[in-house]
């Protein structure tokens, strides 16, 4: 049970990150995109594009929130 519990916590933490990051991106897409402007050139190019196109960025961040919610819902036990 211990190993299963650790895995469930890691998955829930991932879902929490996706949801939180997505919501932050929905609120301020340009600022949030530029916050992550570091690393390999491909990552920098993606963040620049998201910063330049806030409507597209919001769509990406909304998809991120949806993915986080879907992931979290797989971890929800049937019985409280």
PDB file of N, CA and C in Angstrom:
ATOM      1  N   UNK A   1       0.815  -1.198   0.000  1.00  0.00           N
ATOM      2  CA  UNK A   1       0.000   0.000   0.000  1.00  0.00           C
ATOM      3  C   UNK A   1       0.855   1.258   0.000  1.00  0.00           C
ATOM      4  N   UNK A   2       2.035   1.211   0.658  1.00  0.00           N
ATOM      5  CA  UNK A   2       2.895   2.383   0.738  1.00  0.00           C
ATOM      6  C   UNK A   2       3.343   2.875  -0.617  1.00  0.00           C
ATOM      7  N   UNK A   3       3.723   1.955  -1.515  1.00  0.00           N
ATOM      8  CA  UNK A   3       4.187   2.337  -2.846  1.00  0.00           C
ATOM      9  C   UNK A   3       3.041   2.957  -3.647  1.00  0.00           C
ATOM     10  N   UNK A   4       1.849   2.379  -3.537  1.00  0.00           N
ATOM     11  CA  UNK A   4       0.680   2.905  -4.224  1.00  0.00           C
ATOM     12  C   UNK A   4       0.335   4.305  -3.724  1.00  0.00           C
ATOM     13  N   UNK A   5       0.461   4.524  -2.436  1.00  0.00           N
ATOM     14  CA  UNK A   5       0.160   5.829  -1.854  1.00  0.00           C
ATOM     15  C   UNK A   5       1.152   6.887  -2.342  1.00  0.00           C
ATOM     16  N   UNK A   6       2.416   6.524  -2.435  1.00  0.00           N
ATOM     17  CA  UNK A   6       3.431   7.455  -2.938  1.00  0.00           C
ATOM     18  C   UNK A   6       3.123   7.819  -4.385  1.00  0.00           C
ATOM     19  N   UNK A   7       2.795   6.838  -5.201  1.00  0.00           N
ATOM     20  CA  UNK A   7       2.466   7.101  -6.604  1.00  0.00           C
ATOM     21  C   UNK A   7       1.244   8.011  -6.713  1.00  0.00           C
ATOM     22  N   UNK A   8       0.224   7.750  -5.907  1.00  0.00           N
ATOM     23  CA  UNK A   8      -0.972   8.595  -5.941  1.00  0.00           C
ATOM     24  C   UNK A   8      -0.655  10.024  -5.534  1.00  0.00           C
ATOM     25  N   UNK A   9       0.233  10.194  -4.574  1.00  0.00           N
ATOM     26  CA  UNK A   9       0.618  11.545  -4.152  1.00  0.00           C
ATOM     27  C   UNK A   9       1.384  12.270  -5.247  1.00  0.00           C
ATOM     28  N   UNK A  10       2.262  11.542  -5.937  1.00  0.00           N
ATOM     29  CA  UNK A  10       3.037  12.152  -7.034  1.00  0.00           C
ATOM     30  C   UNK A  10       2.101  12.570  -8.169  1.00  0.00           C
ATOM     31  N   UNK A  11       1.159  11.703  -8.503  1.00  0.00           N
ATOM     32  CA  UNK A  11       0.203  12.033  -9.562  1.00  0.00           C
ATOM     33  C   UNK A  11      -0.652  13.232  -9.154  1.00  0.00           C
ATOM     34  N   UNK A  12      -1.092  13.262  -7.900  1.00  0.00           N
ATOM     35  CA  UNK A  12      -1.891  14.394  -7.436  1.00  0.00           C
ATOM     36  C   UNK A  12      -1.073  15.688  -7.435  1.00  0.00           C
ATOM     37  N   UNK A  13       0.182  15.598  -7.087  1.00  0.00           N
ATOM     38  CA  UNK A  13       1.053  16.768  -7.118  1.00  0.00           C
ATOM     39  C   UNK A  13       1.197  17.278  -8.552  1.00  0.00           C
ATOM     40  N   UNK A  14       1.331  16.358  -9.500  1.00  0.00           N
ATOM     41  CA  UNK A  14       1.394  16.746 -10.912  1.00  0.00           C
ATOM     42  C   UNK A  14       0.119  17.437 -11.361  1.00  0.00           C
ATOM     43  N   UNK A  15      -1.027  16.896 -10.941  1.00  0.00           N
ATOM     44  CA  UNK A  15      -2.314  17.511 -11.281  1.00  0.00           C
ATOM     45  C   UNK A  15      -2.423  18.905 -10.669  1.00  0.00           C
ATOM     46  N   UNK A  16      -1.975  19.027  -9.434  1.00  0.00           N
ATOM     47  CA  UNK A  16      -1.999  20.320  -8.751  1.00  0.00           C
ATOM     48  C   UNK A  16      -1.142  21.341  -9.503  1.00  0.00           C
ATOM     49  N   UNK A  17       0.023  20.920  -9.947  1.00  0.00           N
ATOM     50  CA  UNK A  17       0.895  21.817 -10.705  1.00  0.00           C
ATOM     51  C   UNK A  17       0.230  22.233 -12.017  1.00  0.00           C
ATOM     52  N   UNK A  18      -0.338  21.269 -12.750  1.00  0.00           N
ATOM     53  CA  UNK A  18      -0.978  21.592 -14.026  1.00  0.00           C
ATOM     54  C   UNK A  18      -2.123  22.583 -13.840  1.00  0.00           C
ATOM     55  N   UNK A  19      -2.953  22.343 -12.850  1.00  0.00           N
ATOM     56  CA  UNK A  19      -4.098  23.229 -12.616  1.00  0.00           C
ATOM     57  C   UNK A  19      -3.628  24.621 -12.210  1.00  0.00           C
ATOM     58  N   UNK A  20      -2.714  24.693 -11.262  1.00  0.00           N
ATOM     59  CA  UNK A  20      -2.230  25.990 -10.794  1.00  0.00           C
ATOM     60  C   UNK A  20      -1.509  26.774 -11.875  1.00  0.00           C
ATOM     61  N   UNK A  21      -0.644  26.094 -12.608  1.00  0.00           N
ATOM     62  CA  UNK A  21       0.091  26.759 -13.680  1.00  0.00           C
ATOM     63  C   UNK A  21      -0.870  27.240 -14.769  1.00  0.00           C
ATOM     64  N   UNK A  22      -1.852  26.411 -15.093  1.00  0.00           N
ATOM     65  CA  UNK A  22      -2.829  26.792 -16.110  1.00  0.00           C
ATOM     66  C   UNK A  22      -3.653  27.994 -15.694  1.00  0.00           C
ATOM     67  N   UNK A  23      -4.072  28.032 -14.442  1.00  0.00           N
ATOM     68  CA  UNK A  23      -4.859  29.174 -13.955  1.00  0.00           C
ATOM     69  C   UNK A  23      -4.014  30.450 -13.981  1.00  0.00           C
ATOM     70  N   UNK A  24      -2.776  30.355 -13.558  1.00  0.00           N
ATOM     71  CA  UNK A  24      -1.895  31.536 -13.612  1.00  0.00           C
ATOM     72  C   UNK A  24      -1.743  32.028 -15.053  1.00  0.00           C
ATOM     73  N   UNK A  25      -1.629  31.093 -15.988  1.00  0.00           N
ATOM     74  CA  UNK A  25      -1.523  31.462 -17.397  1.00  0.00           C
ATOM     75  C   UNK A  25      -2.798  32.088 -17.935  1.00  0.00           C
ATOM     76  N   UNK A  26      -3.936  31.640 -17.441  1.00  0.00           N
ATOM     77  CA  UNK A  26      -5.203  32.236 -17.878  1.00  0.00           C
ATOM     78  C   UNK A  26      -5.338  33.676 -17.386  1.00  0.00           C
ATOM     79  N   UNK A  27      -4.849  33.945 -16.196  1.00  0.00           N
ATOM     80  CA  UNK A  27      -4.972  35.280 -15.614  1.00  0.00           C
ATOM     81  C   UNK A  27      -4.077  36.290 -16.336  1.00  0.00           C
ATOM     82  N   UNK A  28      -2.812  35.938 -16.507  1.00  0.00           N
ATOM     83  CA  UNK A  28      -1.841  36.847 -17.148  1.00  0.00           C
ATOM     84  C   UNK A  28      -0.987  36.039 -18.123  1.00  0.00           C
ATOM     85  N   UNK A  29      -1.495  35.761 -19.324  1.00  0.00           N
ATOM     86  CA  UNK A  29      -0.784  34.862 -20.237  1.00  0.00           C
ATOM     87  C   UNK A  29       0.593  35.375 -20.680  1.00  0.00           C
ATOM     88  N   UNK A  30       0.707  36.656 -20.972  1.00  0.00           N
ATOM     89  CA  UNK A  30       2.000  37.175 -21.437  1.00  0.00           C
ATOM     90  C   UNK A  30       3.033  37.117 -20.319  1.00  0.00           C
ATOM     91  N   UNK A  31       2.690  37.627 -19.155  1.00  0.00           N
ATOM     92  CA  UNK A  31       3.621  37.644 -18.023  1.00  0.00           C
ATOM     93  C   UNK A  31       4.018  36.231 -17.628  1.00  0.00           C
ATOM     94  N   UNK A  32       3.039  35.335 -17.554  1.00  0.00           N
ATOM     95  CA  UNK A  32       3.326  33.968 -17.129  1.00  0.00           C
ATOM     96  C   UNK A  32       4.194  33.237 -18.147  1.00  0.00           C
ATOM     97  N   UNK A  33       3.940  33.457 -19.415  1.00  0.00           N
ATOM     98  CA  UNK A  33       4.754  32.818 -20.450  1.00  0.00           C
ATOM     99  C   UNK A  33       6.199  33.288 -20.376  1.00  0.00           C
ATOM    100  N   UNK A  34       6.394  34.584 -20.212  1.00  0.00           N
ATOM    101  CA  UNK A  34       7.759  35.118 -20.145  1.00  0.00           C
ATOM    102  C   UNK A  34       8.474  34.717 -18.857  1.00  0.00           C
ATOM    103  N   UNK A  35       7.720  34.410 -17.811  1.00  0.00           N
ATOM    104  CA  UNK A  35       8.324  33.935 -16.574  1.00  0.00           C
ATOM    105  C   UNK A  35       9.115  32.657 -16.808  1.00  0.00           C
ATOM    106  N   UNK A  36       8.657  31.828 -17.735  1.00  0.00           N
ATOM    107  CA  UNK A  36       9.303  30.544 -18.029  1.00  0.00           C
ATOM    108  C   UNK A  36      10.229  30.634 -19.233  1.00  0.00           C
ATOM    109  N   UNK A  37      10.669  31.827 -19.587  1.00  0.00           N
ATOM    110  CA  UNK A  37      11.539  32.033 -20.757  1.00  0.00           C
ATOM    111  C   UNK A  37      12.997  31.758 -20.396  1.00  0.00           C
ATOM    112  N   UNK A  38      13.355  30.474 -20.372  1.00  0.00           N
ATOM    113  CA  UNK A  38      14.742  30.070 -20.117  1.00  0.00           C
ATOM    114  C   UNK A  38      14.923  28.656 -20.656  1.00  0.00           C
ATOM    115  N   UNK A  39      16.140  28.208 -20.665  1.00  0.00           N
ATOM    116  CA  UNK A  39      16.413  26.836 -21.082  1.00  0.00           C
ATOM    117  C   UNK A  39      16.776  26.739 -22.551  1.00  0.00           C
ATOM    118  N   UNK A  40      16.497  25.578 -23.151  1.00  0.00           N
ATOM    119  CA  UNK A  40      16.852  25.352 -24.555  1.00  0.00           C
ATOM    120  C   UNK A  40      16.132  26.329 -25.489  1.00  0.00           C
ATOM    121  N   UNK A  41      16.677  26.500 -26.662  1.00  0.00           N
ATOM    122  CA  UNK A  41      16.110  27.443 -27.632  1.00  0.00           C
ATOM    123  C   UNK A  41      14.660  27.108 -27.973  1.00  0.00           C
ATOM    124  N   UNK A  42      14.317  25.826 -28.058  1.00  0.00           N
ATOM    125  CA  UNK A  42      12.942  25.446 -28.368  1.00  0.00           C
ATOM    126  C   UNK A  42      11.990  25.940 -27.279  1.00  0.00           C
ATOM    127  N   UNK A  43      12.373  25.784 -26.036  1.00  0.00           N
ATOM    128  CA  UNK A  43      11.536  26.259 -24.924  1.00  0.00           C
ATOM    129  C   UNK A  43      11.392  27.774 -24.977  1.00  0.00           C
ATOM    130  N   UNK A  44      12.471  28.474 -25.268  1.00  0.00           N
ATOM    131  CA  UNK A  44      12.403  29.938 -25.367  1.00  0.00           C
ATOM    132  C   UNK A  44      11.497  30.368 -26.514  1.00  0.00           C
ATOM    133  N   UNK A  45      11.591  29.664 -27.639  1.00  0.00           N
ATOM    134  CA  UNK A  45      10.756  30.001 -28.793  1.00  0.00           C
ATOM    135  C   UNK A  45       9.273  29.802 -28.475  1.00  0.00           C
ATOM    136  N   UNK A  46       8.950  28.730 -27.752  1.00  0.00           N
ATOM    137  CA  UNK A  46       7.557  28.477 -27.384  1.00  0.00           C
ATOM    138  C   UNK A  46       7.043  29.568 -26.457  1.00  0.00           C
ATOM    139  N   UNK A  47       7.830  29.939 -25.454  1.00  0.00           N
ATOM    140  CA  UNK A  47       7.374  30.973 -24.528  1.00  0.00           C
ATOM    141  C   UNK A  47       7.229  32.320 -25.221  1.00  0.00           C
ATOM    142  N   UNK A  48       8.095  32.617 -26.172  1.00  0.00           N
ATOM    143  CA  UNK A  48       7.974  33.865 -26.934  1.00  0.00           C
ATOM    144  C   UNK A  48       6.687  33.880 -27.754  1.00  0.00           C
ATOM    145  N   UNK A  49       6.369  32.749 -28.384  1.00  0.00           N
ATOM    146  CA  UNK A  49       5.139  32.665 -29.172  1.00  0.00           C
ATOM    147  C   UNK A  49       3.909  32.813 -28.289  1.00  0.00           C
ATOM    148  N   UNK A  50       3.917  32.165 -27.137  1.00  0.00           N
ATOM    149  CA  UNK A  50       2.779  32.288 -26.223  1.00  0.00           C
ATOM    150  C   UNK A  50       2.631  33.719 -25.726  1.00  0.00           C
ATOM    151  N   UNK A  51       3.747  34.380 -25.449  1.00  0.00           N
ATOM    152  CA  UNK A  51       3.698  35.768 -24.991  1.00  0.00           C
ATOM    153  C   UNK A  51       3.186  36.701 -26.093  1.00  0.00           C
ATOM    154  N   UNK A  52       3.524  36.370 -27.338  1.00  0.00           N
ATOM    155  CA  UNK A  52       3.112  37.215 -28.459  1.00  0.00           C
ATOM    156  C   UNK A  52       1.641  37.001 -28.842  1.00  0.00           C
ATOM    157  N   UNK A  53       1.085  35.872 -28.480  1.00  0.00           N
ATOM    158  CA  UNK A  53      -0.291  35.537 -28.866  1.00  0.00           C
ATOM    159  C   UNK A  53      -1.094  35.132 -27.623  1.00  0.00           C
ATOM    160  N   UNK A  54      -1.589  36.100 -26.854  1.00  0.00           N
ATOM    161  CA  UNK A  54      -2.262  35.797 -25.593  1.00  0.00           C
ATOM    162  C   UNK A  54      -3.528  34.947 -25.737  1.00  0.00           C
ATOM    163  N   UNK A  55      -4.266  35.092 -26.841  1.00  0.00           N
ATOM    164  CA  UNK A  55      -5.470  34.268 -27.009  1.00  0.00           C
ATOM    165  C   UNK A  55      -5.092  32.796 -27.190  1.00  0.00           C
ATOM    166  N   UNK A  56      -4.066  32.554 -27.965  1.00  0.00           N
ATOM    167  CA  UNK A  56      -3.575  31.187 -28.140  1.00  0.00           C
ATOM    168  C   UNK A  56      -3.030  30.663 -26.825  1.00  0.00           C
ATOM    169  N   UNK A  57      -2.310  31.512 -26.100  1.00  0.00           N
ATOM    170  CA  UNK A  57      -1.759  31.112 -24.808  1.00  0.00           C
ATOM    171  C   UNK A  57      -2.880  30.727 -23.849  1.00  0.00           C
ATOM    172  N   UNK A  58      -3.950  31.491 -23.841  1.00  0.00           N
ATOM    173  CA  UNK A  58      -5.069  31.167 -22.948  1.00  0.00           C
ATOM    174  C   UNK A  58      -5.686  29.818 -23.310  1.00  0.00           C
ATOM    175  N   UNK A  59      -5.757  29.523 -24.597  1.00  0.00           N
ATOM    176  CA  UNK A  59      -6.281  28.219 -25.023  1.00  0.00           C
ATOM    177  C   UNK A  59      -5.370  27.095 -24.533  1.00  0.00           C
ATOM    178  N   UNK A  60      -4.063  27.303 -24.635  1.00  0.00           N
ATOM    179  CA  UNK A  60      -3.103  26.304 -24.160  1.00  0.00           C
ATOM    180  C   UNK A  60      -3.231  26.138 -22.650  1.00  0.00           C
ATOM    181  N   UNK A  61      -3.322  27.240 -21.936  1.00  0.00           N
ATOM    182  CA  UNK A  61      -3.426  27.169 -20.478  1.00  0.00           C
ATOM    183  C   UNK A  61      -4.760  26.554 -20.041  1.00  0.00           C
ATOM    184  N   UNK A  62      -5.818  26.807 -20.784  1.00  0.00           N
ATOM    185  CA  UNK A  62      -7.102  26.173 -20.469  1.00  0.00           C
ATOM    186  C   UNK A  62      -7.012  24.658 -20.669  1.00  0.00           C
ATOM    187  N   UNK A  63      -6.335  24.239 -21.729  1.00  0.00           N
ATOM    188  CA  UNK A  63      -6.129  22.801 -21.951  1.00  0.00           C
ATOM    189  C   UNK A  63      -5.294  22.197 -20.823  1.00  0.00           C
ATOM    190  N   UNK A  64      -4.339  22.958 -20.333  1.00  0.00           N
ATOM    191  CA  UNK A  64      -3.511  22.498 -19.212  1.00  0.00           C
ATOM    192  C   UNK A  64      -4.355  22.301 -17.951  1.00  0.00           C
ATOM    193  N   UNK A  65      -5.259  23.239 -17.691  1.00  0.00           N
ATOM    194  CA  UNK A  65      -6.159  23.108 -16.541  1.00  0.00           C
ATOM    195  C   UNK A  65      -7.040  21.872 -16.714  1.00  0.00           C
ATOM    196  N   UNK A  66      -7.586  21.683 -17.908  1.00  0.00           N
ATOM    197  CA  UNK A  66      -8.439  20.520 -18.171  1.00  0.00           C
ATOM    198  C   UNK A  66      -7.675  19.212 -17.986  1.00  0.00           C
ATOM    199  N   UNK A  67      -6.426  19.173 -18.438  1.00  0.00           N
ATOM    200  CA  UNK A  67      -5.606  17.971 -18.265  1.00  0.00           C
ATOM    201  C   UNK A  67      -5.344  17.714 -16.782  1.00  0.00           C
ATOM    202  N   UNK A  68      -5.087  18.771 -16.033  1.00  0.00           N
ATOM    203  CA  UNK A  68      -4.867  18.625 -14.596  1.00  0.00           C
ATOM    204  C   UNK A  68      -6.106  18.117 -13.876  1.00  0.00           C
ATOM    205  N   UNK A  69      -7.264  18.630 -14.268  1.00  0.00           N
ATOM    206  CA  UNK A  69      -8.517  18.176 -13.658  1.00  0.00           C
ATOM    207  C   UNK A  69      -8.780  16.717 -14.013  1.00  0.00           C
ATOM    208  N   UNK A  70      -8.547  16.355 -15.261  1.00  0.00           N
ATOM    209  CA  UNK A  70      -8.738  14.961 -15.673  1.00  0.00           C
ATOM    210  C   UNK A  70      -7.795  14.042 -14.900  1.00  0.00           C
ATOM    211  N   UNK A  71      -6.550  14.463 -14.746  1.00  0.00           N
ATOM    212  CA  UNK A  71      -5.578  13.661 -13.997  1.00  0.00           C
ATOM    213  C   UNK A  71      -5.989  13.542 -12.532  1.00  0.00           C
ATOM    214  N   UNK A  72      -6.420  14.635 -11.944  1.00  0.00           N
ATOM    215  CA  UNK A  72      -6.845  14.615 -10.544  1.00  0.00           C
ATOM    216  C   UNK A  72      -8.074  13.729 -10.347  1.00  0.00           C
ATOM    217  N   UNK A  73      -8.965  13.738 -11.312  1.00  0.00           N
ATOM    218  CA  UNK A  73     -10.184  12.942 -11.162  1.00  0.00           C
ATOM    219  C   UNK A  73      -9.895  11.443 -11.206  1.00  0.00           C
ATOM    220  N   UNK A  74      -8.785  11.050 -11.806  1.00  0.00           N
ATOM    221  CA  UNK A  74      -8.425   9.627 -11.798  1.00  0.00           C
ATOM    222  C   UNK A  74      -7.921   9.197 -10.442  1.00  0.00           C
ATOM    223  N   UNK A  75      -7.535  10.148  -9.604  1.00  0.00           N
ATOM    224  CA  UNK A  75      -6.985   9.845  -8.284  1.00  0.00           C
ATOM    225  C   UNK A  75      -8.022   9.954  -7.184  1.00  0.00           C
ATOM    226  N   UNK A  76      -9.219  10.391  -7.510  1.00  0.00           N
ATOM    227  CA  UNK A  76     -10.250  10.578  -6.507  1.00  0.00           C
ATOM    228  C   UNK A  76     -10.871   9.240  -6.142  1.00  0.00           C
ATOM    229  N   UNK A  77     -10.823   8.874  -4.872  1.00  0.00           N
ATOM    230  CA  UNK A  77     -11.444   7.608  -4.477  1.00  0.00           C
ATOM    231  C   UNK A  77     -12.963   7.683  -4.597  1.00  0.00           C
ATOM    232  N   UNK A  78     -13.570   6.558  -4.855  1.00  0.00           N
ATOM    233  CA  UNK A  78     -15.019   6.506  -5.004  1.00  0.00           C
ATOM    234  C   UNK A  78     -15.732   6.758  -3.680  1.00  0.00           C
ATOM    235  N   UNK A  79     -15.087   6.380  -2.571  1.00  0.00           N
ATOM    236  CA  UNK A  79     -15.690   6.536  -1.248  1.00  0.00           C
ATOM    237  C   UNK A  79     -14.883   7.568  -0.477  1.00  0.00           C
ATOM    238  N   UNK A  80     -15.561   8.555   0.123  1.00  0.00           N
ATOM    239  CA  UNK A  80     -14.859   9.572   0.913  1.00  0.00           C
ATOM    240  C   UNK A  80     -14.397   9.025   2.237  1.00  0.00           C
TER     241      UNK A  80
END
